[in-house]
Protein backbone atom coordinates (compact mmCIF):
# COMPACT_ATOMS: atom_id res chain seq x y z
CA UNK A 1 -0.02 -0.06 -0.01
CA UNK A 2 1.59 3.38 -1.06
CA UNK A 3 1.33 6.42 1.18
CA UNK A 4 -0.48 8.10 -1.60
CA UNK A 5 -3.23 5.63 -1.38
CA UNK A 6 -4.14 5.59 2.30
CA UNK A 7 -7.52 3.78 1.59
CA UNK A 8 -5.61 0.73 0.04
CA UNK A 9 -7.63 1.00 -3.14
CA UNK A 10 -5.16 2.10 -5.64
CA UNK A 11 -5.71 -0.83 -7.91
CA UNK A 12 -9.16 -1.68 -9.47
CA UNK A 13 -10.25 -5.33 -9.41
CA UNK A 14 -9.57 -6.83 -12.71
CA UNK A 15 -13.26 -7.25 -13.16
CA UNK A 16 -13.81 -3.35 -12.99
CA UNK A 17 -10.68 -2.36 -14.96
CA UNK A 18 -12.54 -1.49 -18.27
CA UNK A 19 -14.46 1.77 -18.63
CA UNK A 20 -17.85 0.03 -19.19
CA UNK A 21 -17.42 -2.12 -16.09
CA UNK A 22 -16.70 0.85 -13.71
CA UNK A 23 -19.68 2.78 -15.31
CA UNK A 24 -21.99 -0.07 -14.37
CA UNK A 25 -20.32 -2.41 -11.85
CA UNK A 26 -23.66 -3.76 -10.64
CA UNK A 27 -23.87 -6.95 -12.58
CA UNK A 28 -20.48 -7.87 -11.10
CA UNK A 29 -21.69 -7.02 -7.64
CA UNK A 30 -24.74 -9.30 -8.11
CA UNK A 31 -22.61 -12.18 -9.40
CA UNK A 32 -20.28 -11.88 -6.34
CA UNK A 33 -23.03 -11.62 -3.78
CA UNK A 34 -24.36 -14.97 -5.12
CA UNK A 35 -21.07 -16.78 -6.09
CA UNK A 36 -18.43 -15.41 -3.72
CA UNK A 37 -19.86 -13.01 -1.23
CA UNK A 38 -16.43 -13.05 0.61
CA UNK A 39 -13.41 -13.73 -1.65
CA UNK A 40 -9.65 -13.04 -1.61
CA UNK A 41 -8.04 -11.33 -4.46
CA UNK A 42 -4.37 -12.30 -4.74
CA UNK A 43 -3.56 -9.55 -7.23
CA UNK A 44 -4.56 -6.75 -4.89
CA UNK A 45 -3.86 -8.71 -1.76
CA UNK A 46 -7.25 -7.87 -0.23
CA UNK A 47 -10.51 -9.49 0.74
CA UNK A 48 -13.61 -8.27 -0.94
CA UNK A 49 -16.97 -8.26 0.85
CA UNK A 50 -20.29 -7.79 -1.02
CA UNK A 51 -23.48 -8.50 0.92
CA UNK A 52 -25.46 -5.97 2.91
CA UNK A 53 -25.47 -7.65 6.30
CA UNK A 54 -21.64 -8.37 6.07
CA UNK A 55 -20.92 -4.85 4.99
CA UNK A 56 -23.01 -3.43 7.88
CA UNK A 57 -21.15 -5.71 10.41
CA UNK A 58 -17.84 -4.74 9.36
CA UNK A 59 -18.57 -0.99 9.42
CA UNK A 60 -20.28 -1.29 12.80
CA UNK A 61 -17.54 -3.21 14.61
CA UNK A 62 -14.50 -0.97 15.31
CA UNK A 63 -12.92 -3.48 17.56
CA UNK A 64 -12.66 -6.31 15.06
CA UNK A 65 -12.40 -4.20 11.93
CA UNK A 66 -10.03 -1.19 12.16
CA UNK A 67 -9.96 1.71 9.61
CA UNK A 68 -6.29 2.30 10.34
CA UNK A 69 -3.91 1.07 7.61
CA UNK A 70 -1.23 1.00 10.44
CA UNK A 71 -2.78 -2.30 11.67
CA UNK A 72 -2.35 -3.95 8.26
CA UNK A 73 0.21 -6.71 7.88
CA UNK A 74 3.35 -5.38 6.43
CA UNK A 75 2.38 -1.81 6.80
CA UNK A 76 5.38 0.58 6.62
CA UNK A 77 5.17 4.22 7.92
CA UNK A 78 5.56 6.68 5.03
CA UNK A 79 8.74 8.75 5.29
CA UNK A 80 8.73 12.47 5.45
CA UNK A 81 6.96 15.03 7.53
CA UNK A 82 3.96 15.25 5.26
CA UNK A 83 4.07 11.85 3.45
CA UNK A 84 1.57 10.12 5.70
CA UNK A 85 -0.44 13.03 6.67
CA UNK A 86 -3.76 11.42 5.55
CA UNK A 87 -3.10 8.70 8.06
CA UNK A 88 -3.75 11.23 10.78
CA UNK A 89 -7.30 12.30 9.71
CA UNK A 90 -10.42 11.06 11.51
CA UNK A 91 -11.19 8.89 8.52
CA UNK A 92 -8.25 6.61 9.13
CA UNK A 93 -8.24 6.81 13.04
CA UNK A 94 -9.98 4.32 15.35
CA UNK A 95 -11.84 5.37 18.52
CA UNK A 96 -11.13 7.12 20.87
CA UNK A 97 -8.83 9.39 18.77
CA UNK A 98 -11.43 9.41 15.93
CA UNK A 99 -14.07 10.66 18.22
CA UNK A 100 -11.78 13.35 19.73
CA UNK A 101 -10.78 14.62 16.32
CA UNK A 102 -14.33 14.62 14.99
CA UNK A 103 -15.58 16.43 18.02
CA UNK A 104 -13.52 19.37 17.11
CA UNK A 105 -15.64 20.19 13.99
CA UNK A 106 -18.75 18.03 14.81
CA UNK A 107 -20.78 21.25 15.73
CA UNK A 108 -19.92 23.01 12.43
CA UNK A 109 -21.36 19.98 10.56
CA UNK A 110 -24.46 19.27 12.67
CA UNK A 111 -27.84 19.23 10.93
CA UNK A 112 -28.80 22.49 12.77
CA UNK A 113 -25.69 24.50 11.81
CA UNK A 114 -25.89 23.24 8.14
CA UNK A 115 -29.56 24.34 7.92
CA UNK A 116 -28.37 27.87 8.60
CA UNK A 117 -26.23 27.67 5.48
CA UNK A 118 -29.22 27.03 3.13
CA UNK A 119 -29.71 30.71 2.22
CA UNK A 120 -26.11 31.19 1.16
CA UNK A 121 -26.03 27.89 -0.73
CA UNK A 122 -29.27 28.94 -2.59
CA UNK A 123 -27.75 32.30 -3.41
CA UNK A 124 -24.54 30.70 -4.78
CA UNK A 125 -26.73 28.26 -6.78
CA UNK A 126 -28.81 31.05 -8.25
CA UNK A 127 -25.69 32.96 -9.31
CA UNK A 128 -24.18 29.91 -10.98
CA UNK A 129 -27.45 29.17 -12.81
CA UNK A 130 -27.84 32.76 -13.91
CA UNK A 131 -24.45 32.50 -15.61
CA UNK A 132 -24.71 29.04 -17.20
CA UNK A 133 -28.28 29.00 -18.49
CA UNK A 134 -27.86 32.08 -20.48
CA UNK A 135 -25.39 30.19 -22.82
CA UNK A 136 -27.99 28.10 -24.69
CA UNK A 137 -29.82 24.84 -24.23
CA UNK A 138 -27.10 22.55 -23.27
CA UNK A 139 -24.50 22.60 -20.42
CA UNK A 140 -22.02 20.16 -19.03
CA UNK A 141 -23.65 19.40 -15.65
CA UNK A 142 -20.25 18.48 -13.96
CA UNK A 143 -17.83 21.24 -14.97
CA UNK A 144 -20.37 24.03 -15.13
CA UNK A 145 -22.51 23.31 -12.09
CA UNK A 146 -21.99 20.09 -10.04
CA UNK A 147 -18.35 20.83 -9.45
CA UNK A 148 -18.21 24.55 -8.84
CA UNK A 149 -21.08 24.79 -6.23
CA UNK A 150 -19.66 22.40 -3.56
CA UNK A 151 -16.10 23.63 -4.03
CA UNK A 152 -17.26 27.21 -3.35
CA UNK A 153 -19.15 26.18 -0.25
CA UNK A 154 -16.41 24.16 1.27
CA UNK A 155 -13.83 26.84 0.44
CA UNK A 156 -15.86 29.45 2.15
CA UNK A 157 -16.26 27.13 5.24
CA UNK A 158 -12.53 26.41 5.42
CA UNK A 159 -11.55 29.99 4.82
CA UNK A 160 -9.84 29.57 1.46
CA UNK A 161 -9.67 32.70 -0.74
CA UNK A 162 -11.94 32.78 -3.78
CA UNK A 163 -9.06 32.90 -6.29
CA UNK A 164 -7.59 29.60 -5.13
CA UNK A 165 -10.81 27.55 -5.67
CA UNK A 166 -9.65 26.21 -9.12
CA UNK A 167 -6.57 24.77 -7.56
CA UNK A 168 -8.75 22.90 -5.08
CA UNK A 169 -10.27 21.04 -7.98
CA UNK A 170 -6.97 19.96 -9.24
CA UNK A 171 -5.76 18.70 -5.79
CA UNK A 172 -9.04 16.96 -5.04
CA UNK A 173 -9.13 15.05 -8.29
CA UNK A 174 -5.42 13.99 -7.69
CA UNK A 175 -6.15 12.59 -4.29
CA UNK A 176 -8.96 10.33 -5.35
CA UNK A 177 -7.79 9.35 -8.81
CA UNK A 178 -6.49 6.03 -10.01
CA UNK A 179 -3.44 5.70 -12.37
CA UNK A 180 -4.25 6.48 -15.94
CA UNK A 181 -3.96 3.79 -18.50
CA UNK A 182 -0.67 5.26 -19.87
CA UNK A 183 0.88 5.83 -16.43
CA UNK A 184 3.21 3.47 -14.59
CA UNK A 185 2.75 2.80 -10.92
CA UNK A 186 5.88 4.88 -10.06
CA UNK A 187 4.60 7.74 -12.17
CA UNK A 188 1.32 7.64 -10.59
CA UNK A 189 2.90 7.59 -7.07
CA UNK A 190 5.18 10.52 -8.11
CA UNK A 191 2.37 12.62 -9.38
CA UNK A 192 0.34 12.09 -6.28
CA UNK A 193 3.17 12.92 -4.01
CA UNK A 194 3.87 16.18 -5.95
CA UNK A 195 0.22 17.16 -5.64
CA UNK A 196 0.16 16.28 -1.91
CA UNK A 197 3.23 18.28 -1.14
CA UNK A 198 1.83 21.44 -3.02
CA UNK A 199 -1.45 21.09 -1.10
CA UNK A 200 0.31 20.56 2.22
CA UNK A 201 2.37 23.70 1.70
CA UNK A 202 -0.62 25.67 0.80
CA UNK A 203 -2.44 24.73 3.89
CA UNK A 204 0.59 25.24 6.15
CA UNK A 205 0.63 28.81 5.07
CA UNK A 206 -3.03 29.21 5.70
CA UNK A 207 -2.64 27.47 9.15
CA UNK A 208 0.11 29.84 10.14
CA UNK A 209 -1.80 32.91 9.09
CA UNK A 210 -4.85 31.73 11.17
CA UNK A 211 -2.73 31.19 14.28
CA UNK A 212 -1.88 34.87 14.02
CA UNK A 213 -5.18 36.13 12.77
CA UNK A 214 -8.07 33.74 13.71
CA UNK A 215 -11.25 34.21 11.62
CA UNK A 216 -14.71 32.70 11.51
CA UNK A 217 -13.71 29.61 9.55
CA UNK A 218 -12.74 25.91 9.98
CA UNK A 219 -9.04 26.41 9.65
CA UNK A 220 -9.17 28.80 12.59
CA UNK A 221 -11.15 26.32 14.60
CA UNK A 222 -8.58 23.57 14.02
CA UNK A 223 -5.53 25.67 14.76
CA UNK A 224 -7.02 26.91 18.06
CA UNK A 225 -8.66 23.73 19.18
CA UNK A 226 -7.47 21.62 22.11
CA UNK A 227 -8.13 18.06 23.20
CA UNK A 228 -7.66 17.44 26.93
CA UNK A 229 -5.59 20.71 27.05
CA UNK A 230 -3.34 19.65 24.18
CA UNK A 231 -3.52 21.29 20.73
CA UNK A 232 -3.94 19.11 17.57
CA UNK A 233 -0.81 17.93 15.97
CA UNK A 234 0.45 19.58 12.92
CA UNK A 235 -0.33 16.55 10.83
CA UNK A 236 -3.82 16.13 12.34
CA UNK A 237 -4.68 19.71 11.48
CA UNK A 238 -3.22 19.38 7.92
CA UNK A 239 -4.93 15.99 7.45
CA UNK A 240 -8.30 17.24 8.55
CA UNK A 241 -8.03 20.16 6.18
CA UNK A 242 -7.28 17.91 3.28
CA UNK A 243 -9.98 15.59 4.21
CA UNK A 244 -12.61 18.27 4.45
CA UNK A 245 -11.45 19.59 1.06
CA UNK A 246 -11.78 16.37 -0.71
CA UNK A 247 -14.95 15.03 1.02
CA UNK A 248 -16.58 18.48 0.88
CA UNK A 249 -16.74 18.60 -2.87
CA UNK A 250 -15.92 15.28 -4.55
CA UNK A 251 -18.88 13.44 -3.03
CA UNK A 252 -21.40 16.20 -3.64
CA UNK A 253 -20.31 16.79 -7.23
CA UNK A 254 -20.92 13.07 -7.95
CA UNK A 255 -24.20 12.96 -5.93
CA UNK A 256 -25.70 15.79 -8.03
CA UNK A 257 -24.41 14.15 -11.32
CA UNK A 258 -25.50 10.67 -10.33
CA UNK A 259 -28.83 12.06 -9.44
CA UNK A 260 -29.46 13.45 -12.95
CA UNK A 261 -28.39 10.25 -14.50
CA UNK A 262 -30.80 8.31 -12.29
CA UNK A 263 -33.69 10.76 -12.83
CA UNK A 264 -33.23 10.57 -16.51
CA UNK A 265 -33.22 6.77 -16.52
CA UNK A 266 -36.82 6.61 -15.24
CA UNK A 267 -38.07 9.90 -16.78
CA UNK A 268 -38.60 11.41 -13.26
CA UNK A 269 -37.07 14.85 -13.92
CA UNK A 270 -40.23 16.79 -14.65
CA UNK A 271 -42.26 15.09 -11.91
CA UNK A 272 -39.69 16.00 -9.26
CA UNK A 273 -39.57 19.66 -10.30
CA UNK A 274 -41.28 21.81 -7.72
CA UNK A 275 -41.71 19.04 -5.24
CA UNK A 276 -38.91 19.32 -2.62
CA UNK A 277 -40.26 16.57 -0.42
CA UNK A 278 -40.39 14.10 -3.26
CA UNK A 279 -36.87 15.37 -4.31
CA UNK A 280 -35.36 14.68 -0.91
CA UNK A 281 -36.80 11.11 -0.91
CA UNK A 282 -35.28 10.66 -4.60
CA UNK A 283 -31.89 11.87 -3.52
CA UNK A 284 -31.89 9.09 -0.79
CA UNK A 285 -32.49 6.68 -3.55
CA UNK A 286 -29.59 8.02 -5.60
CA UNK A 287 -27.35 7.56 -2.54
CA UNK A 288 -28.47 3.95 -2.72
CA UNK A 289 -28.61 3.26 -6.43
CA UNK A 290 -25.57 5.18 -7.68
CA UNK A 291 -23.67 5.94 -4.40
CA UNK A 292 -20.77 8.50 -4.83
CA UNK A 293 -18.60 6.27 -2.57
CA UNK A 294 -18.66 2.53 -3.69
CA UNK A 295 -16.07 1.10 -1.26
CA UNK A 296 -14.27 1.67 1.99
CA UNK A 297 -11.54 -0.36 3.55
CA UNK A 298 -11.00 -2.00 7.08
CA UNK A 299 -8.24 -4.13 8.55
CA UNK A 300 -9.06 -7.36 10.49
CA UNK A 301 -7.94 -7.13 14.17
CA UNK A 302 -8.47 -10.76 14.69
CA UNK A 303 -9.11 -13.95 12.66
CA UNK A 304 -12.67 -13.77 11.33
CA UNK A 305 -14.58 -16.57 9.61
CA UNK A 306 -17.33 -15.52 7.28
CA UNK A 307 -19.14 -17.56 4.56
CA UNK A 308 -16.57 -20.33 5.04
CA UNK A 309 -13.56 -18.13 4.38
CA UNK A 310 -11.08 -17.11 7.20
CA UNK A 311 -9.83 -13.54 7.12
CA UNK A 312 -6.71 -13.35 9.24
CA UNK A 313 -5.63 -10.76 11.62
CA UNK A 314 -3.93 -7.86 9.71
CA UNK A 315 -5.58 -8.68 6.30
CA UNK A 316 -7.01 -5.78 4.45
CA UNK A 317 -10.65 -5.89 3.48
CA UNK A 318 -12.55 -3.87 0.79
CA UNK A 319 -16.05 -3.35 1.94
CA UNK A 320 -18.23 -2.78 -1.17
CA UNK A 321 -20.98 -0.31 -0.17
CA UNK A 322 -22.35 -0.12 -3.65
CA UNK A 323 -22.88 -3.83 -3.67
CA UNK A 324 -24.65 -3.80 -0.26
CA UNK A 325 -26.79 -1.07 -1.58
CA UNK A 326 -27.94 -3.36 -4.37
CA UNK A 327 -28.50 -6.44 -2.20
CA UNK A 328 -31.85 -8.15 -2.97
CA UNK A 329 -31.89 -9.43 0.65
CA UNK A 330 -32.28 -5.89 1.88
CA UNK A 331 -34.04 -3.95 -0.94
CA UNK A 332 -37.04 -5.01 -2.99
CA UNK A 333 -36.27 -4.54 -6.77
CA UNK A 334 -32.74 -3.61 -5.71
CA UNK A 335 -31.63 -2.98 -9.29
CA UNK A 336 -34.47 -0.59 -9.98
CA UNK A 337 -34.37 3.11 -9.31
CA UNK A 338 -37.51 3.99 -7.31
CA UNK A 339 -37.51 7.70 -6.50
CA UNK A 340 -40.19 7.05 -3.79
CA UNK A 341 -38.45 4.28 -2.07
CA UNK A 342 -39.03 4.22 1.78
CA UNK A 343 -37.66 2.93 4.04
CA UNK A 344 -34.13 3.19 2.50
CA UNK A 345 -31.42 2.14 4.92
CA UNK A 346 -28.57 2.51 2.50
CA UNK A 347 -24.86 2.90 2.98
CA UNK A 348 -24.43 5.97 0.88
CA UNK A 349 -22.70 7.74 3.66
CA UNK A 350 -21.25 4.71 5.29
CA UNK A 351 -22.44 3.41 8.63
CA UNK A 352 -21.44 3.27 12.20
CA UNK A 353 -18.67 5.32 13.96
CA UNK A 354 -17.33 6.62 10.73
CA UNK A 355 -20.68 7.69 9.19
CA UNK A 356 -19.81 10.65 7.07
CA UNK A 357 -19.36 13.89 8.90
CA UNK A 358 -20.41 15.93 5.89
CA UNK A 359 -23.64 13.98 5.12
CA UNK A 360 -25.98 16.93 6.20
CA UNK A 361 -23.93 19.36 4.03
CA UNK A 362 -23.98 16.93 0.98
CA UNK A 363 -27.71 16.32 1.25
CA UNK A 364 -28.56 20.05 1.55
CA UNK A 365 -26.27 21.12 -1.33
CA UNK A 366 -27.72 18.41 -3.56
CA UNK A 367 -31.31 19.27 -2.62
CA UNK A 368 -30.86 22.97 -3.30
CA UNK A 369 -28.86 22.56 -6.43
CA UNK A 370 -31.32 20.08 -8.06
CA UNK A 371 -34.28 22.08 -6.77
CA UNK A 372 -33.17 25.32 -8.32
CA UNK A 373 -32.01 23.66 -11.55
CA UNK A 374 -35.24 21.84 -12.12
CA UNK A 375 -37.32 24.93 -11.39
CA UNK A 376 -35.56 26.70 -14.35
CA UNK A 377 -35.56 24.00 -16.97
CA UNK A 378 -37.88 21.35 -18.51
CA UNK A 379 -37.68 18.47 -20.97
CA UNK A 380 -34.21 17.59 -19.68
CA UNK A 381 -32.53 14.89 -21.76
CA UNK A 382 -28.97 13.41 -21.73
CA UNK A 383 -27.75 13.38 -25.32
CA UNK A 384 -26.18 10.28 -26.75
CA UNK A 385 -22.58 10.40 -25.54
CA UNK A 386 -19.61 8.45 -24.39
CA UNK A 387 -19.50 8.57 -20.63
CA UNK A 388 -16.15 8.50 -18.92
CA UNK A 389 -16.03 7.25 -15.32
CA UNK A 390 -14.27 9.15 -12.65
CA UNK A 391 -10.76 7.72 -12.52
CA UNK A 392 -10.93 6.36 -8.92
CA UNK A 393 -11.32 2.94 -7.56
CA UNK A 394 -13.68 4.03 -4.82
CA UNK A 395 -15.34 7.40 -5.94
CA UNK A 396 -18.20 6.79 -8.56
CA UNK A 397 -19.26 9.28 -10.97
CA UNK A 398 -18.45 10.51 -14.57
CA UNK A 399 -16.12 13.12 -15.75
CA UNK A 400 -18.73 14.97 -17.88
CA UNK A 401 -22.45 14.87 -18.36
CA UNK A 402 -23.95 16.87 -21.01
CA UNK A 403 -27.74 17.70 -20.58
CA UNK A 404 -30.16 19.42 -22.85
CA UNK A 405 -33.23 21.27 -21.85
CA UNK A 406 -35.80 23.91 -22.51
CA UNK A 407 -35.71 27.05 -20.42
CA UNK A 408 -38.68 27.70 -18.24
């Protein structure tokens, strides 16, 4: 596992290595749930787990299944001050340190606090739509709308200057990307290392500024916070900034985009326009049906036997949320997109202790973005095009999504 890939998901399973397979991995998930619900992949040296109940068990048991790569067999601590900075984020920390780090920013991401952001998010959405809808009857939903909105929001929350937002996009994409087809493993690691160093240097400068001049933003909260009378470590602050940057925009970008793909699939766009209650329910179904995060990793802390297979202590496990979300044992008509599905106990934001901190923000941004967009357009269609999946082995979305529409 390279330091540039703290989730341990650098390599696609061979079954998902082709473009078409990662765009629609769901047939493979179904096959695995039936034929090999727990299987070892010797190429990637990880276990894959596919069924809903097994996914839930692993996400909910911090004592037997750790999030920290440091517990994996053969793990080597990355060298250099910033090399392993992501390892010190709450994402890759077990309790109690996870809970302590999360507690520093928990209030800023609580549903009550996030609700207060709605007027500002709606204002930003309106400004974006005013600009892009004047250019004709077709836009690229990703680059013109679904990407800029969450980047602006998380940049404002962190305290990042407006002029630096585009650089955020480059860094975020680099962190979650997989190696390109014409790139060697060494080149991929070098590229990610370079991007990570750039990002670390940028945030270090901001951190130093906020120590001298605290403001009403998340970076100031982090640099002034204490846990049991002790300040956060340099790497913990830096790692949390990077985590919030990536999680704060990549997930929401793909949620908005995956929603439009799903709505178009069942011709539900027009019926959801103007009905925020129905839209809220439909977004939950998007989180199940085309979840922006398809997989997470765990490390076995003891020998575990499951479906006749023995996962040994120290083994890495890929927990396929996207497969659990399509498990027929949990969801009726699991491979159908049903906008009004309730109840809907999906894993779109994970489960258990590490349930996504930013879930309230992502839900609000998606609801406001889609509500405002659908109130301004009708007869939305996705023209015939070759979709390119996001080059990541755990983030699920498309690089571009053209949509055509009539102006309301």
